[in-house]
Amino acid sequence: MRNQENSRNEFKDDDLVCYCFTYTKKDIETDYKENGRSLIYKKVADEKKSGKCNCAMLNPKGR
């Protein structure tokens, strides 16, 4: 039963992590590997500060 719970919570490469800016798990992993840190996180944070985030509407979980 525990393995089934873990597999449900794991992201696949093409799963969206950021619905507003359509970043996938693979995008974030590649960004981290290429830069040694996530520049995507900074981009999303900056866009969110400027009011360009619409997660409440686009993310099925409302976040």
Protein backbone atom coordinates (compact mmCIF):
# COMPACT_ATOMS: atom_id res chain seq x y z
CA MET A 1 0.00 0.00 0.00
CA ARG A 2 2.80 2.45 0.81
CA ASN A 3 4.37 2.02 -2.66
CA GLN A 4 1.05 2.88 -4.30
CA GLU A 5 0.80 6.08 -2.24
CA ASN A 6 4.33 7.13 -3.21
CA SER A 7 3.77 6.48 -6.91
CA ARG A 8 0.63 8.65 -6.85
CA ASN A 9 2.58 11.60 -5.47
CA GLU A 10 5.55 11.38 -7.83
CA PHE A 11 5.77 13.71 -10.81
CA LYS A 12 6.36 12.39 -14.30
CA ASP A 13 8.75 14.35 -16.57
CA ASP A 14 5.94 16.02 -18.51
CA ASP A 15 3.75 16.80 -15.47
CA LEU A 16 3.14 20.50 -14.96
CA VAL A 17 4.63 21.88 -11.78
CA CYS A 18 3.76 25.50 -12.54
CA TYR A 19 0.42 25.92 -14.26
CA CYS A 20 0.74 29.67 -14.76
CA PHE A 21 3.97 29.51 -16.73
CA THR A 22 3.70 25.85 -17.86
CA TYR A 23 6.95 24.59 -16.35
CA THR A 24 7.22 20.82 -16.16
CA LYS A 25 9.20 18.61 -13.83
CA LYS A 26 11.70 18.08 -16.64
CA ASP A 27 12.06 21.85 -17.22
CA ILE A 28 12.96 22.40 -13.58
CA GLU A 29 15.38 19.45 -13.45
CA THR A 30 17.12 20.64 -16.62
CA ASP A 31 17.31 24.21 -15.31
CA TYR A 32 18.90 22.98 -12.09
CA LYS A 33 21.40 20.75 -13.89
CA GLU A 34 22.43 23.52 -16.29
CA ASN A 35 22.70 26.30 -13.69
CA GLY A 36 23.47 24.53 -10.41
CA ARG A 37 20.29 26.08 -9.00
CA SER A 38 16.77 26.78 -10.18
CA LEU A 39 16.51 30.00 -12.16
CA ILE A 40 12.91 29.04 -12.93
CA TYR A 41 12.04 29.52 -9.26
CA LYS A 42 13.36 33.11 -9.44
CA LYS A 43 11.41 33.78 -12.66
CA VAL A 44 8.18 32.49 -11.12
CA ALA A 45 8.73 34.44 -7.90
CA ASP A 46 9.36 37.66 -9.87
CA GLU A 47 6.28 37.15 -12.04
CA LYS A 48 4.18 36.38 -8.97
CA LYS A 49 5.34 39.61 -7.30
CA SER A 50 4.31 41.58 -10.38
CA GLY A 51 0.82 40.04 -10.28
CA LYS A 52 1.19 37.76 -13.28
CA CYS A 53 0.42 34.57 -11.38
CA ASN A 54 -3.00 32.97 -11.75
CA CYS A 55 -2.49 29.69 -9.91
CA ALA A 56 -5.84 29.86 -8.17
CA MET A 57 -7.56 29.60 -11.55
CA LEU A 58 -5.14 27.44 -13.55
CA ASN A 59 -3.99 24.87 -11.01
CA PRO A 60 -6.60 22.14 -10.48
CA LYS A 61 -5.75 22.21 -6.76
CA GLY A 62 -6.25 25.97 -6.61
CA ARG A 63 -2.73 26.90 -5.49
